[in-house]
Amino acid sequence: MMNVSPIDPLGRAGKLATLIYLALIVALCLTSTLLLWDTMQRYQASNAALETLARFQNLRRASNSGSNTEGWPAGSPFLEGTTVTLASAALLQRITTAITQAGGSVVSSEVEPQAQRPRDDYVKATATCEVTQVAALQQLLHDLEAGMPFLFIDQLVVEAAPSSDKGERMRVRLAVSGQWRGAK
């Protein structure tokens, strides 16, 4: 006769198979939970990105509808004028206006000849002026670069003015350029 033990019906191999099966079920549950959590995080990030995009598009629509956004100067970014001569005159006028508003005085100004310009759509002028304070120079530079049309300071030379008068004057030489839209 055979001795069968009623205490261990599965045997050692059965217990090992059950343990492996349970470990596999736990691993699959953990993997599913982690994948579900990752999917939720990606969904939330996608929603946040869509909200940011919607806000950006609303701001863009508001700026394109004609209302001037805060911090953006009014006017055209290009020098106005139907010819390069008129654009050069507009550039010189803009420079001299900025100098006088800063409390300085224009000593001389000139437009760079057309033959010396590498590109026809840029107009360049040079001005020499005298200003009394560093704050006036800062105001002048800010006014030229921050306003409309967009102007670029290509060269800046600052030196002490001849000591003919008692004030602390500085002689400033500016080379300023701006883009002209060209003939329409």
Protein backbone atom coordinates (compact mmCIF):
# COMPACT_ATOMS: atom_id res chain seq x y z
CA MET A 1 0.00 0.00 0.00
CA MET A 2 0.93 3.55 -0.52
CA ASN A 3 1.25 6.12 2.11
CA VAL A 4 -0.45 9.37 1.12
CA SER A 5 -0.10 12.26 3.42
CA PRO A 6 -3.33 14.26 3.83
CA ILE A 7 -1.46 17.29 5.26
CA ASP A 8 0.34 18.38 2.03
CA PRO A 9 -2.00 17.82 -0.95
CA LEU A 10 -0.08 20.16 -3.41
CA GLY A 11 3.40 19.12 -2.60
CA ARG A 12 6.45 21.25 -2.76
CA ALA A 13 6.18 21.99 -6.52
CA GLY A 14 2.57 23.11 -6.13
CA LYS A 15 3.46 25.56 -3.39
CA LEU A 16 6.24 27.03 -5.50
CA ALA A 17 3.90 27.42 -8.50
CA THR A 18 1.29 29.14 -6.30
CA LEU A 19 3.91 31.53 -4.92
CA ILE A 20 5.16 32.41 -8.42
CA TYR A 21 1.57 32.94 -9.60
CA LEU A 22 0.82 35.32 -6.70
CA ALA A 23 4.08 37.23 -7.26
CA LEU A 24 3.20 37.60 -10.93
CA ILE A 25 -0.27 38.92 -10.06
CA VAL A 26 1.23 41.46 -7.60
CA ALA A 27 3.81 42.59 -10.20
CA LEU A 28 1.11 43.06 -12.84
CA CYS A 29 -1.06 45.03 -10.41
CA LEU A 30 1.88 47.29 -9.52
CA THR A 31 2.74 47.80 -13.19
CA SER A 32 -0.86 48.65 -14.03
CA THR A 33 -1.06 51.10 -11.12
CA LEU A 34 2.19 52.83 -12.15
CA LEU A 35 1.10 53.07 -15.79
CA LEU A 36 -2.28 54.48 -14.76
CA TRP A 37 -0.57 57.07 -12.51
CA ASP A 38 1.83 58.06 -15.33
CA THR A 39 -1.08 58.42 -17.75
CA MET A 40 -2.90 60.70 -15.30
CA GLN A 41 0.23 62.85 -14.85
CA ARG A 42 0.64 63.20 -18.61
CA TYR A 43 -3.03 64.12 -18.98
CA GLN A 44 -2.68 66.84 -16.34
CA ALA A 45 0.49 68.19 -18.00
CA SER A 46 -1.29 68.20 -21.36
CA ASN A 47 -4.21 70.15 -19.89
CA ALA A 48 -1.84 72.68 -18.33
CA ALA A 49 -0.04 73.14 -21.65
CA LEU A 50 -3.36 73.63 -23.47
CA GLU A 51 -4.44 76.25 -20.92
CA THR A 52 -1.13 78.09 -21.36
CA LEU A 53 -1.52 77.95 -25.13
CA ALA A 54 -5.08 79.30 -24.90
CA ARG A 55 -3.91 82.19 -22.71
CA PHE A 56 -1.09 82.94 -25.16
CA GLN A 57 -3.47 82.92 -28.12
CA ASN A 58 -5.86 85.24 -26.27
CA LEU A 59 -2.99 87.66 -25.58
CA ARG A 60 -1.90 87.46 -29.19
CA ARG A 61 -5.43 88.13 -30.43
CA ALA A 62 -5.71 91.08 -28.07
CA SER A 63 -2.43 92.56 -29.33
CA ASN A 64 -3.40 92.04 -32.96
CA SER A 65 -6.84 93.62 -32.51
CA GLY A 66 -5.31 97.08 -32.40
CA SER A 67 -5.07 97.55 -28.67
CA ASN A 68 -1.59 98.49 -27.58
CA THR A 69 -0.18 96.07 -25.01
CA GLU A 70 1.62 97.51 -22.06
CA GLY A 71 5.35 97.93 -22.58
CA TRP A 72 5.19 97.97 -26.37
CA PRO A 73 5.78 101.37 -27.97
CA ALA A 74 3.26 102.68 -30.48
CA GLY A 75 4.16 103.18 -34.11
CA SER A 76 5.79 101.38 -36.97
CA PRO A 77 9.08 99.54 -36.41
CA PHE A 78 10.36 100.80 -39.78
CA LEU A 79 11.55 104.25 -40.80
CA GLU A 80 8.84 106.07 -42.70
CA GLY A 81 9.44 107.57 -46.12
CA THR A 82 8.71 106.75 -49.72
CA THR A 83 12.35 107.26 -50.71
CA VAL A 84 15.62 106.58 -48.98
CA THR A 85 16.18 110.34 -48.72
CA LEU A 86 12.94 110.81 -46.79
CA ALA A 87 13.77 107.83 -44.57
CA SER A 88 17.20 109.37 -43.88
CA ALA A 89 15.57 112.68 -43.00
CA ALA A 90 13.16 110.88 -40.65
CA LEU A 91 16.12 109.16 -38.98
CA LEU A 92 17.99 112.46 -38.50
CA GLN A 93 14.84 114.08 -37.13
CA ARG A 94 14.34 111.22 -34.66
CA ILE A 95 17.98 111.47 -33.49
CA THR A 96 17.92 115.26 -33.04
CA THR A 97 14.57 115.10 -31.23
CA ALA A 98 15.96 112.50 -28.81
CA ILE A 99 19.08 114.59 -28.19
CA THR A 100 17.14 117.78 -27.45
CA GLN A 101 14.67 115.93 -25.21
CA ALA A 102 17.62 114.60 -23.20
CA GLY A 103 18.85 118.16 -22.66
CA GLY A 104 21.72 117.97 -25.12
CA SER A 105 22.68 120.01 -28.13
CA VAL A 106 23.50 118.74 -31.60
CA VAL A 107 26.96 119.72 -32.84
CA SER A 108 26.78 117.97 -36.22
CA SER A 109 24.90 115.22 -38.00
CA GLU A 110 25.17 113.45 -41.32
CA VAL A 111 23.68 110.54 -43.23
CA GLU A 112 25.96 107.78 -44.50
CA PRO A 113 26.00 107.87 -48.31
CA GLN A 114 24.01 105.22 -50.15
CA ALA A 115 27.12 103.83 -51.88
CA GLN A 116 28.72 102.90 -48.53
CA ARG A 117 25.71 100.92 -47.29
CA PRO A 118 25.92 97.16 -47.73
CA ARG A 119 22.13 96.83 -47.92
CA ASP A 120 19.62 99.28 -49.35
CA ASP A 121 16.98 98.70 -46.68
CA TYR A 122 19.10 100.09 -43.82
CA VAL A 123 19.64 103.80 -43.29
CA LYS A 124 22.56 104.94 -41.15
CA ALA A 125 23.27 108.37 -39.67
CA THR A 126 26.00 109.77 -37.46
CA ALA A 127 25.45 112.57 -34.94
CA THR A 128 27.79 114.40 -32.62
CA CYS A 129 26.23 116.09 -29.61
CA GLU A 130 27.03 117.45 -26.19
CA VAL A 131 25.20 116.37 -23.04
CA THR A 132 25.62 117.64 -19.52
CA GLN A 133 25.12 114.55 -17.36
CA VAL A 134 25.39 110.80 -17.46
CA ALA A 135 21.65 110.58 -16.72
CA ALA A 136 20.96 112.62 -19.86
CA LEU A 137 23.11 110.23 -21.88
CA GLN A 138 21.22 107.26 -20.44
CA GLN A 139 17.92 108.92 -21.30
CA LEU A 140 19.14 109.60 -24.84
CA LEU A 141 20.24 106.01 -25.41
CA HIS A 142 17.03 104.63 -23.93
CA ASP A 143 14.88 106.92 -26.04
CA LEU A 144 16.67 105.93 -29.23
CA GLU A 145 16.63 102.18 -28.66
CA ALA A 146 13.31 101.75 -26.85
CA GLY A 147 11.06 103.86 -29.06
CA MET A 148 9.60 103.40 -32.49
CA PRO A 149 10.87 103.04 -35.14
CA PHE A 150 13.41 100.45 -34.06
CA LEU A 151 16.82 102.10 -34.09
CA PHE A 152 20.14 100.46 -33.39
CA ILE A 153 23.19 102.18 -31.98
CA ASP A 154 26.08 100.86 -34.04
CA GLN A 155 28.78 103.01 -32.46
CA LEU A 156 29.00 105.09 -29.30
CA VAL A 157 32.00 107.26 -28.44
CA VAL A 158 31.88 109.38 -25.27
CA GLU A 159 34.63 111.82 -24.31
CA ALA A 160 34.99 114.87 -22.10
CA ALA A 161 34.14 118.06 -23.94
CA PRO A 162 36.77 120.81 -24.14
CA SER A 163 36.88 122.66 -20.85
CA SER A 164 35.66 125.95 -22.30
CA ASP A 165 32.78 126.26 -19.88
CA LYS A 166 32.39 125.50 -16.20
CA GLY A 167 29.90 122.58 -16.50
CA GLU A 168 30.80 118.94 -16.91
CA ARG A 169 29.87 118.35 -20.51
CA MET A 170 30.43 115.22 -22.53
CA ARG A 171 30.83 115.03 -26.27
CA VAL A 172 29.00 112.01 -27.68
CA ARG A 173 29.32 110.57 -31.15
CA LEU A 174 26.51 108.20 -32.15
CA ALA A 175 26.20 106.03 -35.24
CA VAL A 176 22.55 104.99 -35.46
CA SER A 177 20.86 102.79 -38.03
CA GLY A 178 17.27 101.88 -38.75
CA GLN A 179 15.49 99.71 -41.24
CA TRP A 180 13.56 101.29 -44.05
CA ARG A 181 10.68 99.36 -45.57
CA GLY A 182 11.62 100.45 -49.07
CA ALA A 183 9.52 101.90 -51.83
CA LYS A 184 6.02 100.47 -51.87
